Amino acid sequence: EAGAENVSFTVVDMQTDTVPGGPFDAALSQFGVMFFDEPVTAFANIRSHLKTGGRLAFACWQTGDRNPWFFTQAIAEHLPPPPAPAPGKSPTGPFALGDPAYTTEILSAAGFSEVRSTPHELAVEVPQDAVLDRAQLTFMGVTPDKIAAVESTVEEYMQQFAVTATVSRFPLAFQVFEARNLAS
């Protein structure tokens, strides 16, 4: 719609697929790479799409304890235990790359160099219902008979972030990783 002619969109699984048009100067992700169940394989695949000297940058959450707006701890008793990863797979989820040392090891094992992370913290004001919805609870494994009670528990937990009757202020702790592909 904007008339840009040098942009294309492709739906692929960056853990295994090839993106046409490479090699590329840069690869970017905003809160998506935490869901690779084979992170070294995935980042090695991303690196294979980059030119020598190409850059990787991505944002991911810091650890869950640094992000109290994520209400899982408030409803833990109502959730099934997370399934164990399949053999050879890694746990995934919003905070899977929260430990900078662990994530640096993954990127180094995938062949990236000059890995660095920069932590960021900020507070955002959003509508109170911006974090919770019934579909999310179902996805998390809350059974239909417990949905109403769990919604109530979450709403009570989230009151700590209320600024007004309709707005909440959430503290967000995330990090930006940067790395380079210095080998061909």
Foldseek 3Di string as FASTA:
>chain_A
DPPDDPDDDDDDDLLDDDDPDFLDQEAEEEQDLLAFFQLLSSLLSNLVSHDQFHKYKYKAAAAPVQFVLQPCVLCVVQFDPDDDDDPPTHDGDRHNCNDVVVVVVSNVSSQWPPKDKDKDKDKDKDWLCPPDDQVVVVVRPRDPVCSVVVVVSSSVSQVVQDPDPTMGITMTMMMMMMTTRNDD
